[in-house]
Structures are given as structure tokens and as C-alpha cells.
Amino acid sequence: MVFDNSYLYHVSEQCDIAVFNPRPSPRPKEVPGNLVWAVNAERLINYLLPRDCPRVTYFAAANTSAEDYQKFIGSRSIRAVIAVEKGWLARILATKLYVYCFMPADFVLQDNIAGYYITSKPQVPHKVVEVNNPLLELATYDIELRILPSLIKLRDQVISSTLGFSCIRMRNAKK
């Protein structure tokens, strides 16, 4: 399914969320308060994996150097790279996801690079899309999925680069 810019999205392994009530921010020093979080269509690909799955995602940003582009992405046909650990493959294949779609009116942009939007108001999803196979869903996008033994070295390299990136659930990464 193609997700478009008419909605903001929240991905969950839970199929029956009728109302998203604001919860304490996971980053209270940076973003205080009780909030509902969503992502835009461009960064939704970062979340089409099981919630606890560690991943390093990256893409060419406006200031990405030609050297970093060649080193980390390589091909002009690739929009982004998502790297996961091979130890998570069975869980990824066994996971069903639910993409909750929100009307954007109540949300404000919190982080442009990550595509995060927030609101302090409860949100009722406009619709829910079931994703039975996250890998097949990711294959519909112009991304490259990389499967690595560990993400730690890649994370450190990407953070030191000129790429746009998100490192998600790295506390669950193989050390």
C-alpha cells in the first residue's frame, strides 16, 4: 500500500486502539508534556518493523556530501537505507503491523529530519491499515534493506556522516 501525505501515521503491533491518548514524552527534556506522536509519509518506512527491533535508517539530506552518499547509499535509485540485525529476521517475518492514520490538523512538526509530529490532544484514527508482511511492504518503496550481524559500527559511522538518519531502539541492538 502506498501511504501518502494526506495523513500522519502511527505504527503499532496492537490492532484495536480506538483512541490515542497523550502519554508522557519519551524525551521529556527535549519535548516535555503528554503527547501523541505520529510520523509523516516520507519517514513511515522507518517504522514498518516490530516496535522493539533496532534499526539504523538513513538518507541523503540537503547537506550530504558526495563522498558520504557514495559510501553509504551508492545508487541514485535508492531513497533510503534501513539496516536491521539478522537476529531479528524471524521476528520481523512473524510480525503483523497496524498503521493508524491521523488527520494532521491537530499536530505540529517536532523534528523535520525524523518526520515526527506531536499533539497534546487525544486522537481518533481516521483509518487503520493492516500490514501482514512488513518486509513485503518495505519492498514497495525505493529503499534498500540491509541485514547485518550488528548495527553498532554502522550507527557510529552514520552519526559521524553528513546523512540524515534515525537510530531507533538501539538499546536492543547486539553489542
N, C-alpha and C. Protein backbone atom coordinates (compact mmCIF):
# COMPACT_ATOMS: atom_id res chain seq x y z
N MET A 1 0.85 -1.19 0.00
CA MET A 1 0.00 0.00 0.00
C MET A 1 0.88 1.24 0.00
N VAL A 2 0.49 2.23 -0.72
CA VAL A 2 1.23 3.50 -0.72
C VAL A 2 0.56 4.43 0.29
N PHE A 3 1.36 4.91 1.21
CA PHE A 3 0.87 5.86 2.20
C PHE A 3 1.25 7.25 1.71
N ASP A 4 0.31 8.18 1.78
CA ASP A 4 0.56 9.50 1.19
C ASP A 4 0.56 10.59 2.24
N ASN A 5 0.80 11.81 1.78
CA ASN A 5 0.94 12.95 2.67
C ASN A 5 -0.37 13.52 3.20
N SER A 6 -1.49 12.89 2.88
CA SER A 6 -2.75 13.41 3.41
C SER A 6 -2.97 13.01 4.87
N TYR A 7 -2.13 12.11 5.37
CA TYR A 7 -2.24 11.65 6.76
C TYR A 7 -0.89 11.72 7.45
N LEU A 8 -0.97 11.63 8.78
CA LEU A 8 0.19 11.31 9.61
C LEU A 8 -0.06 9.91 10.14
N TYR A 9 1.01 9.22 10.57
CA TYR A 9 0.89 7.79 10.86
C TYR A 9 1.51 7.40 12.19
N HIS A 10 0.92 6.37 12.76
CA HIS A 10 1.47 5.73 13.96
C HIS A 10 1.40 4.23 13.72
N VAL A 11 2.52 3.54 13.87
CA VAL A 11 2.58 2.11 13.63
C VAL A 11 2.59 1.36 14.95
N SER A 12 1.79 0.30 15.03
CA SER A 12 1.69 -0.48 16.25
C SER A 12 1.52 -1.96 15.92
N GLU A 13 1.87 -2.80 16.86
CA GLU A 13 1.57 -4.23 16.75
C GLU A 13 0.22 -4.52 17.37
N GLN A 14 -0.39 -3.51 17.95
CA GLN A 14 -1.71 -3.64 18.58
C GLN A 14 -2.79 -3.24 17.58
N CYS A 15 -3.80 -4.08 17.42
CA CYS A 15 -4.78 -3.89 16.35
C CYS A 15 -6.03 -3.11 16.78
N ASP A 16 -6.21 -2.81 18.02
CA ASP A 16 -7.50 -2.32 18.49
C ASP A 16 -7.44 -1.01 19.27
N ILE A 17 -6.61 -0.10 18.85
CA ILE A 17 -6.51 1.18 19.56
C ILE A 17 -7.58 2.11 19.00
N ALA A 18 -8.58 2.42 19.81
CA ALA A 18 -9.69 3.28 19.37
C ALA A 18 -9.35 4.76 19.53
N VAL A 19 -8.60 5.09 20.59
CA VAL A 19 -8.22 6.47 20.86
C VAL A 19 -6.77 6.48 21.32
N PHE A 20 -5.99 7.38 20.76
CA PHE A 20 -4.62 7.60 21.20
C PHE A 20 -4.65 8.76 22.18
N ASN A 21 -4.49 8.43 23.46
CA ASN A 21 -4.45 9.46 24.49
C ASN A 21 -3.01 9.92 24.68
N PRO A 22 -2.81 11.21 24.93
CA PRO A 22 -1.45 11.69 25.16
C PRO A 22 -0.79 10.95 26.32
N ARG A 23 0.49 10.62 26.13
CA ARG A 23 1.30 9.94 27.14
C ARG A 23 2.53 10.77 27.42
N PRO A 24 3.17 10.52 28.56
CA PRO A 24 4.40 11.27 28.86
C PRO A 24 5.42 11.10 27.73
N SER A 25 6.05 12.17 27.39
CA SER A 25 7.05 12.17 26.32
C SER A 25 8.17 11.20 26.66
N PRO A 26 8.64 10.42 25.68
CA PRO A 26 9.80 9.56 25.93
C PRO A 26 11.10 10.36 26.03
N ARG A 27 11.04 11.62 25.64
CA ARG A 27 12.21 12.52 25.72
C ARG A 27 11.80 13.81 26.43
N PRO A 28 11.48 13.73 27.74
CA PRO A 28 10.90 14.89 28.43
C PRO A 28 11.78 16.13 28.48
N LYS A 29 13.10 15.96 28.44
CA LYS A 29 13.98 17.14 28.47
C LYS A 29 13.90 17.91 27.15
N GLU A 30 13.78 17.17 26.04
CA GLU A 30 13.70 17.79 24.72
C GLU A 30 12.28 18.21 24.36
N VAL A 31 11.34 17.32 24.68
CA VAL A 31 9.94 17.53 24.30
C VAL A 31 9.07 17.20 25.52
N PRO A 32 8.83 18.19 26.38
CA PRO A 32 8.07 17.91 27.60
C PRO A 32 6.57 17.78 27.34
N GLY A 33 5.89 17.16 28.30
CA GLY A 33 4.44 17.09 28.26
C GLY A 33 3.92 15.71 27.88
N ASN A 34 2.61 15.61 27.89
CA ASN A 34 1.92 14.40 27.46
C ASN A 34 1.54 14.58 26.00
N LEU A 35 1.91 13.61 25.17
CA LEU A 35 1.81 13.80 23.73
C LEU A 35 1.35 12.54 23.00
N VAL A 36 0.80 12.76 21.84
CA VAL A 36 0.58 11.71 20.84
C VAL A 36 1.59 11.99 19.74
N TRP A 37 2.33 10.94 19.34
CA TRP A 37 3.36 11.06 18.32
C TRP A 37 2.88 10.44 17.02
N ALA A 38 3.28 11.02 15.91
CA ALA A 38 2.99 10.46 14.59
C ALA A 38 4.16 10.82 13.67
N VAL A 39 4.23 10.14 12.54
CA VAL A 39 5.27 10.43 11.56
C VAL A 39 4.64 10.72 10.21
N ASN A 40 5.38 11.42 9.38
CA ASN A 40 4.88 11.72 8.04
C ASN A 40 5.10 10.53 7.11
N ALA A 41 4.54 10.61 5.93
CA ALA A 41 4.62 9.50 4.97
C ALA A 41 6.06 9.21 4.55
N GLU A 42 6.87 10.25 4.44
CA GLU A 42 8.25 10.06 3.99
C GLU A 42 9.06 9.22 4.97
N ARG A 43 8.83 9.35 6.26
CA ARG A 43 9.60 8.62 7.27
C ARG A 43 8.85 7.41 7.83
N LEU A 44 7.66 7.15 7.34
CA LEU A 44 6.90 5.98 7.79
C LEU A 44 7.70 4.70 7.60
N ILE A 45 8.50 4.62 6.56
CA ILE A 45 9.30 3.42 6.30
C ILE A 45 10.18 3.05 7.49
N ASN A 46 10.60 4.03 8.29
CA ASN A 46 11.43 3.75 9.45
C ASN A 46 10.71 2.92 10.50
N TYR A 47 9.40 2.88 10.43
CA TYR A 47 8.59 2.25 11.48
C TYR A 47 7.86 1.00 11.01
N LEU A 48 8.09 0.56 9.81
CA LEU A 48 7.41 -0.63 9.30
C LEU A 48 8.17 -1.90 9.70
N LEU A 49 8.50 -1.96 10.97
CA LEU A 49 9.21 -3.08 11.59
C LEU A 49 8.65 -3.25 13.00
N PRO A 50 8.88 -4.41 13.63
CA PRO A 50 8.41 -4.57 15.01
C PRO A 50 8.94 -3.44 15.90
N ARG A 51 8.13 -3.01 16.82
CA ARG A 51 8.44 -1.86 17.67
C ARG A 51 9.83 -1.94 18.29
N ASP A 52 10.19 -3.08 18.87
CA ASP A 52 11.45 -3.19 19.60
C ASP A 52 12.65 -3.52 18.72
N CYS A 53 12.44 -3.69 17.44
CA CYS A 53 13.53 -4.03 16.52
C CYS A 53 14.50 -2.86 16.38
N PRO A 54 15.77 -3.07 16.71
CA PRO A 54 16.74 -1.98 16.50
C PRO A 54 16.97 -1.78 15.01
N ARG A 55 17.18 -0.54 14.63
CA ARG A 55 17.43 -0.24 13.22
C ARG A 55 18.19 1.07 13.08
N VAL A 56 18.95 1.13 12.02
CA VAL A 56 19.62 2.36 11.62
C VAL A 56 19.06 2.70 10.25
N THR A 57 18.45 3.86 10.14
CA THR A 57 17.88 4.29 8.87
C THR A 57 18.57 5.59 8.46
N TYR A 58 18.82 5.71 7.17
CA TYR A 58 19.48 6.94 6.72
C TYR A 58 19.15 7.24 5.27
N PHE A 59 19.39 8.50 4.92
CA PHE A 59 19.04 9.01 3.59
C PHE A 59 19.90 10.24 3.30
N ALA A 60 19.92 10.64 2.07
CA ALA A 60 20.65 11.85 1.69
C ALA A 60 19.87 13.07 2.15
N ALA A 61 20.52 13.89 2.95
CA ALA A 61 19.94 15.16 3.40
C ALA A 61 20.45 16.27 2.49
N ALA A 62 19.95 17.47 2.70
CA ALA A 62 20.34 18.60 1.85
C ALA A 62 21.85 18.85 1.88
N ASN A 63 22.49 18.57 3.03
CA ASN A 63 23.93 18.84 3.16
C ASN A 63 24.80 17.58 3.04
N THR A 64 24.24 16.48 2.56
CA THR A 64 25.02 15.25 2.44
C THR A 64 26.10 15.41 1.38
N SER A 65 27.32 15.06 1.76
CA SER A 65 28.44 15.17 0.83
C SER A 65 28.37 14.05 -0.22
N ALA A 66 28.97 14.31 -1.37
CA ALA A 66 29.03 13.30 -2.43
C ALA A 66 29.77 12.05 -1.94
N GLU A 67 30.81 12.26 -1.14
CA GLU A 67 31.58 11.13 -0.59
C GLU A 67 30.71 10.26 0.32
N ASP A 68 29.95 10.87 1.22
CA ASP A 68 29.07 10.09 2.11
C ASP A 68 27.97 9.41 1.32
N TYR A 69 27.45 10.10 0.33
CA TYR A 69 26.40 9.49 -0.50
C TYR A 69 26.92 8.21 -1.16
N GLN A 70 28.08 8.30 -1.76
CA GLN A 70 28.66 7.15 -2.45
C GLN A 70 28.99 6.03 -1.46
N LYS A 71 29.55 6.38 -0.33
CA LYS A 71 29.97 5.39 0.66
C LYS A 71 28.80 4.64 1.29
N PHE A 72 27.71 5.36 1.62
CA PHE A 72 26.63 4.76 2.40
C PHE A 72 25.40 4.37 1.58
N ILE A 73 25.17 5.06 0.47
CA ILE A 73 23.96 4.78 -0.32
C ILE A 73 24.32 4.21 -1.68
N GLY A 74 25.14 4.93 -2.43
CA GLY A 74 25.67 4.40 -3.68
C GLY A 74 24.81 4.60 -4.90
N SER A 75 23.59 4.23 -4.86
CA SER A 75 22.73 4.26 -6.04
C SER A 75 21.74 5.41 -5.98
N ARG A 76 21.58 6.11 -7.10
CA ARG A 76 20.61 7.21 -7.18
C ARG A 76 19.16 6.71 -7.13
N SER A 77 18.96 5.41 -7.35
CA SER A 77 17.59 4.88 -7.33
C SER A 77 17.10 4.55 -5.93
N ILE A 78 17.99 4.64 -4.94
CA ILE A 78 17.63 4.32 -3.56
C ILE A 78 17.30 5.60 -2.80
N ARG A 79 16.12 5.65 -2.23
CA ARG A 79 15.66 6.81 -1.45
C ARG A 79 16.24 6.80 -0.04
N ALA A 80 16.37 5.60 0.53
CA ALA A 80 16.84 5.47 1.91
C ALA A 80 17.36 4.06 2.13
N VAL A 81 18.08 3.89 3.22
CA VAL A 81 18.58 2.58 3.62
C VAL A 81 18.05 2.29 5.02
N ILE A 82 17.60 1.07 5.21
CA ILE A 82 17.18 0.61 6.53
C ILE A 82 18.02 -0.62 6.85
N ALA A 83 18.77 -0.54 7.94
CA ALA A 83 19.62 -1.65 8.35
C ALA A 83 19.06 -2.27 9.63
N VAL A 84 18.96 -3.59 9.63
CA VAL A 84 18.49 -4.34 10.80
C VAL A 84 19.48 -5.47 11.07
N GLU A 85 19.38 -6.03 12.25
CA GLU A 85 20.25 -7.14 12.61
C GLU A 85 19.62 -8.47 12.20
N LYS A 86 20.46 -9.39 11.75
CA LYS A 86 19.95 -10.68 11.27
C LYS A 86 19.24 -11.45 12.37
N GLY A 87 19.59 -11.23 13.61
CA GLY A 87 18.92 -11.89 14.72
C GLY A 87 17.45 -11.50 14.87
N TRP A 88 17.02 -10.46 14.18
CA TRP A 88 15.63 -10.00 14.25
C TRP A 88 14.78 -10.49 13.08
N LEU A 89 15.37 -11.16 12.12
CA LEU A 89 14.62 -11.53 10.91
C LEU A 89 13.38 -12.38 11.19
N ALA A 90 13.50 -13.39 12.04
CA ALA A 90 12.35 -14.25 12.33
C ALA A 90 11.22 -13.43 12.94
N ARG A 91 11.55 -12.53 13.84
CA ARG A 91 10.52 -11.69 14.46
C ARG A 91 9.89 -10.75 13.43
N ILE A 92 10.70 -10.18 12.57
CA ILE A 92 10.17 -9.30 11.52
C ILE A 92 9.19 -10.06 10.64
N LEU A 93 9.56 -11.26 10.24
CA LEU A 93 8.69 -12.07 9.36
C LEU A 93 7.41 -12.51 10.05
N ALA A 94 7.44 -12.65 11.37
CA ALA A 94 6.26 -13.13 12.10
C ALA A 94 5.35 -12.01 12.60
N THR A 95 5.75 -10.77 12.41
CA THR A 95 5.01 -9.64 12.97
C THR A 95 4.00 -9.08 11.99
N LYS A 96 2.81 -8.82 12.51
CA LYS A 96 1.78 -8.10 11.77
C LYS A 96 1.71 -6.70 12.37
N LEU A 97 1.66 -5.70 11.52
CA LEU A 97 1.61 -4.31 11.96
C LEU A 97 0.29 -3.67 11.59
N TYR A 98 -0.03 -2.62 12.33
CA TYR A 98 -1.23 -1.82 12.07
C TYR A 98 -0.79 -0.37 11.96
N VAL A 99 -1.10 0.23 10.83
CA VAL A 99 -0.73 1.63 10.59
C VAL A 99 -1.98 2.47 10.81
N TYR A 100 -1.93 3.26 11.87
CA TYR A 100 -3.05 4.14 12.22
C TYR A 100 -2.84 5.47 11.49
N CYS A 101 -3.88 5.93 10.83
CA CYS A 101 -3.82 7.13 10.00
C CYS A 101 -4.57 8.26 10.70
N PHE A 102 -3.91 9.40 10.87
CA PHE A 102 -4.50 10.56 11.53
C PHE A 102 -4.60 11.73 10.57
N MET A 103 -5.65 12.50 10.72
CA MET A 103 -5.73 13.77 10.04
C MET A 103 -4.70 14.69 10.70
N PRO A 104 -3.96 15.48 9.95
CA PRO A 104 -2.84 16.24 10.51
C PRO A 104 -3.20 17.54 11.24
N ALA A 105 -4.44 17.95 11.24
CA ALA A 105 -4.82 19.28 11.73
C ALA A 105 -4.33 19.60 13.14
N ASP A 106 -4.38 18.66 14.07
CA ASP A 106 -4.01 18.93 15.46
C ASP A 106 -2.52 18.79 15.74
N PHE A 107 -1.75 18.34 14.79
CA PHE A 107 -0.34 18.05 15.01
C PHE A 107 0.56 19.21 14.59
N VAL A 108 1.71 19.30 15.25
CA VAL A 108 2.75 20.25 14.85
C VAL A 108 4.04 19.48 14.62
N LEU A 109 4.84 19.96 13.69
CA LEU A 109 6.12 19.34 13.39
C LEU A 109 7.05 19.48 14.59
N GLN A 110 7.62 18.36 15.02
CA GLN A 110 8.55 18.38 16.14
C GLN A 110 9.99 18.19 15.67
N ASP A 111 10.19 17.34 14.65
CA ASP A 111 11.54 17.06 14.16
C ASP A 111 11.45 16.78 12.66
N ASN A 112 11.96 17.69 11.85
CA ASN A 112 11.85 17.57 10.40
C ASN A 112 12.64 16.38 9.86
N ILE A 113 13.85 16.16 10.34
CA ILE A 113 14.67 15.05 9.85
C ILE A 113 13.99 13.71 10.13
N ALA A 114 13.49 13.53 11.35
CA ALA A 114 12.84 12.26 11.72
C ALA A 114 11.38 12.19 11.24
N GLY A 115 10.82 13.32 10.83
CA GLY A 115 9.43 13.33 10.39
C GLY A 115 8.43 13.22 11.52
N TYR A 116 8.84 13.61 12.75
CA TYR A 116 7.98 13.49 13.93
C TYR A 116 7.01 14.66 14.02
N TYR A 117 5.77 14.33 14.33
CA TYR A 117 4.74 15.31 14.63
C TYR A 117 4.15 14.97 15.98
N ILE A 118 3.73 16.00 16.72
CA ILE A 118 3.17 15.78 18.05
C ILE A 118 1.89 16.59 18.23
N THR A 119 1.08 16.12 19.16
CA THR A 119 -0.08 16.86 19.61
C THR A 119 -0.34 16.51 21.07
N SER A 120 -0.94 17.43 21.80
CA SER A 120 -1.32 17.16 23.19
C SER A 120 -2.79 16.76 23.29
N LYS A 121 -3.46 16.66 22.14
CA LYS A 121 -4.88 16.30 22.12
C LYS A 121 -5.07 14.82 21.81
N PRO A 122 -6.03 14.17 22.46
CA PRO A 122 -6.34 12.78 22.10
C PRO A 122 -6.69 12.68 20.61
N GLN A 123 -6.34 11.56 20.00
CA GLN A 123 -6.57 11.38 18.56
C GLN A 123 -7.33 10.08 18.29
N VAL A 124 -8.35 10.21 17.48
CA VAL A 124 -9.09 9.05 16.99
C VAL A 124 -8.60 8.79 15.57
N PRO A 125 -8.12 7.57 15.31
CA PRO A 125 -7.61 7.29 13.96
C PRO A 125 -8.71 7.44 12.91
N HIS A 126 -8.33 7.99 11.76
CA HIS A 126 -9.27 8.12 10.64
C HIS A 126 -9.49 6.76 9.99
N LYS A 127 -8.41 5.95 9.95
CA LYS A 127 -8.49 4.58 9.46
C LYS A 127 -7.27 3.82 9.94
N VAL A 128 -7.34 2.50 9.80
CA VAL A 128 -6.24 1.62 10.18
C VAL A 128 -5.95 0.69 9.00
N VAL A 129 -4.67 0.57 8.67
CA VAL A 129 -4.25 -0.30 7.57
C VAL A 129 -3.43 -1.44 8.15
N GLU A 130 -3.82 -2.65 7.85
CA GLU A 130 -3.11 -3.84 8.32
C GLU A 130 -1.95 -4.15 7.37
N VAL A 131 -0.79 -4.39 7.96
CA VAL A 131 0.39 -4.77 7.19
C VAL A 131 0.77 -6.18 7.64
N ASN A 132 0.44 -7.16 6.82
CA ASN A 132 0.67 -8.56 7.19
C ASN A 132 2.13 -8.99 7.08
N ASN A 133 2.88 -8.36 6.20
CA ASN A 133 4.27 -8.73 6.00
C ASN A 133 5.09 -7.44 5.84
N PRO A 134 5.73 -7.00 6.94
CA PRO A 134 6.49 -5.74 6.86
C PRO A 134 7.57 -5.72 5.78
N LEU A 135 8.24 -6.86 5.54
CA LEU A 135 9.29 -6.87 4.51
C LEU A 135 8.70 -6.67 3.12
N LEU A 136 7.57 -7.29 2.85
CA LEU A 136 6.93 -7.07 1.55
C LEU A 136 6.47 -5.62 1.40
N GLU A 137 5.99 -5.05 2.48
CA GLU A 137 5.59 -3.63 2.44
C GLU A 137 6.80 -2.74 2.16
N LEU A 138 7.90 -2.99 2.85
CA LEU A 138 9.10 -2.18 2.62
C LEU A 138 9.60 -2.33 1.19
N ALA A 139 9.40 -3.50 0.61
CA ALA A 139 9.86 -3.75 -0.77
C ALA A 139 9.10 -2.90 -1.80
N THR A 140 7.99 -2.31 -1.41
CA THR A 140 7.24 -1.46 -2.34
C THR A 140 7.82 -0.05 -2.43
N TYR A 141 8.79 0.26 -1.58
CA TYR A 141 9.41 1.58 -1.55
C TYR A 141 10.79 1.51 -2.20
N ASP A 142 11.30 2.65 -2.60
CA ASP A 142 12.64 2.74 -3.20
C ASP A 142 13.69 2.82 -2.09
N ILE A 143 13.75 1.73 -1.31
CA ILE A 143 14.72 1.67 -0.22
C ILE A 143 15.56 0.42 -0.38
N GLU A 144 16.63 0.40 0.35
CA GLU A 144 17.44 -0.82 0.42
C GLU A 144 17.42 -1.30 1.85
N LEU A 145 17.10 -2.56 2.05
CA LEU A 145 17.13 -3.18 3.36
C LEU A 145 18.46 -3.91 3.49
N ARG A 146 19.21 -3.56 4.52
CA ARG A 146 20.49 -4.22 4.76
C ARG A 146 20.38 -5.03 6.05
N ILE A 147 20.84 -6.26 5.98
CA ILE A 147 20.77 -7.16 7.12
C ILE A 147 22.21 -7.42 7.57
N LEU A 148 22.49 -7.01 8.81
CA LEU A 148 23.85 -7.05 9.34
C LEU A 148 23.92 -7.87 10.62
N PRO A 149 25.09 -8.38 10.96
CA PRO A 149 25.22 -9.10 12.23
C PRO A 149 25.01 -8.18 13.44
N SER A 150 25.48 -6.93 13.33
CA SER A 150 25.34 -5.94 14.39
C SER A 150 25.21 -4.55 13.75
N LEU A 151 24.52 -3.66 14.45
CA LEU A 151 24.31 -2.31 13.94
C LEU A 151 25.26 -1.27 14.53
N ILE A 152 26.01 -1.63 15.54
CA ILE A 152 26.77 -0.65 16.31
C ILE A 152 27.78 0.11 15.45
N LYS A 153 28.58 -0.58 14.68
CA LYS A 153 29.59 0.09 13.84
C LYS A 153 28.92 1.01 12.81
N LEU A 154 27.86 0.50 12.16
CA LEU A 154 27.15 1.32 11.18
C LEU A 154 26.56 2.56 11.84
N ARG A 155 25.93 2.39 13.00
CA ARG A 155 25.36 3.54 13.71
C ARG A 155 26.42 4.61 13.93
N ASP A 156 27.58 4.20 14.44
CA ASP A 156 28.63 5.17 14.73
C ASP A 156 29.10 5.88 13.46
N GLN A 157 29.20 5.15 12.36
CA GLN A 157 29.63 5.75 11.09
C GLN A 157 28.58 6.73 10.56
N VAL A 158 27.32 6.35 10.63
CA VAL A 158 26.24 7.19 10.11
C VAL A 158 26.11 8.47 10.93
N ILE A 159 26.22 8.34 12.24
CA ILE A 159 26.13 9.53 13.11
C ILE A 159 27.24 10.53 12.79
N SER A 160 28.39 10.02 12.41
CA SER A 160 29.54 10.89 12.09
C SER A 160 29.52 11.41 10.65
N SER A 161 28.53 11.02 9.88
CA SER A 161 28.46 11.40 8.47
C SER A 161 27.61 12.66 8.28
N THR A 162 27.39 13.01 7.03
CA THR A 162 26.54 14.15 6.68
C THR A 162 25.13 13.70 6.27
N LEU A 163 24.81 12.43 6.50
CA LEU A 163 23.50 11.89 6.14
C LEU A 163 22.42 12.32 7.12
N GLY A 164 21.17 12.30 6.68
CA GLY A 164 20.04 12.38 7.58
C GLY A 164 19.81 10.97 8.10
N PHE A 165 19.47 10.82 9.37
CA PHE A 165 19.37 9.47 9.93
C PHE A 165 18.44 9.40 11.13
N SER A 166 18.03 8.19 11.44
CA SER A 166 17.35 7.85 12.69
C SER A 166 17.93 6.53 13.16
N CYS A 167 18.26 6.47 14.42
CA CYS A 167 18.72 5.23 15.06
C CYS A 167 17.65 4.89 16.09
N ILE A 168 16.93 3.82 15.85
CA ILE A 168 15.74 3.51 16.62
C ILE A 168 15.94 2.22 17.41
N ARG A 169 15.55 2.26 18.69
CA ARG A 169 15.60 1.09 19.58
C ARG A 169 16.99 0.47 19.67
N MET A 170 17.99 1.30 19.62
CA MET A 170 19.36 0.80 19.66
C MET A 170 19.71 0.14 21.00
N ARG A 171 18.95 0.38 22.03
CA ARG A 171 19.20 -0.32 23.30
C ARG A 171 18.99 -1.82 23.15
N ASN A 172 18.27 -2.24 22.10
CA ASN A 172 18.03 -3.66 21.83
C ASN A 172 19.02 -4.25 20.83
N ALA A 173 19.98 -3.46 20.40
CA ALA A 173 20.95 -3.93 19.41
C ALA A 173 21.97 -4.86 20.06
N LYS A 174 22.48 -5.76 19.25
CA LYS A 174 23.52 -6.68 19.68
C LYS A 174 24.79 -5.89 19.96
N LYS A 175 25.36 -6.09 21.10
CA LYS A 175 26.56 -5.33 21.50
C LYS A 175 27.81 -5.94 20.93
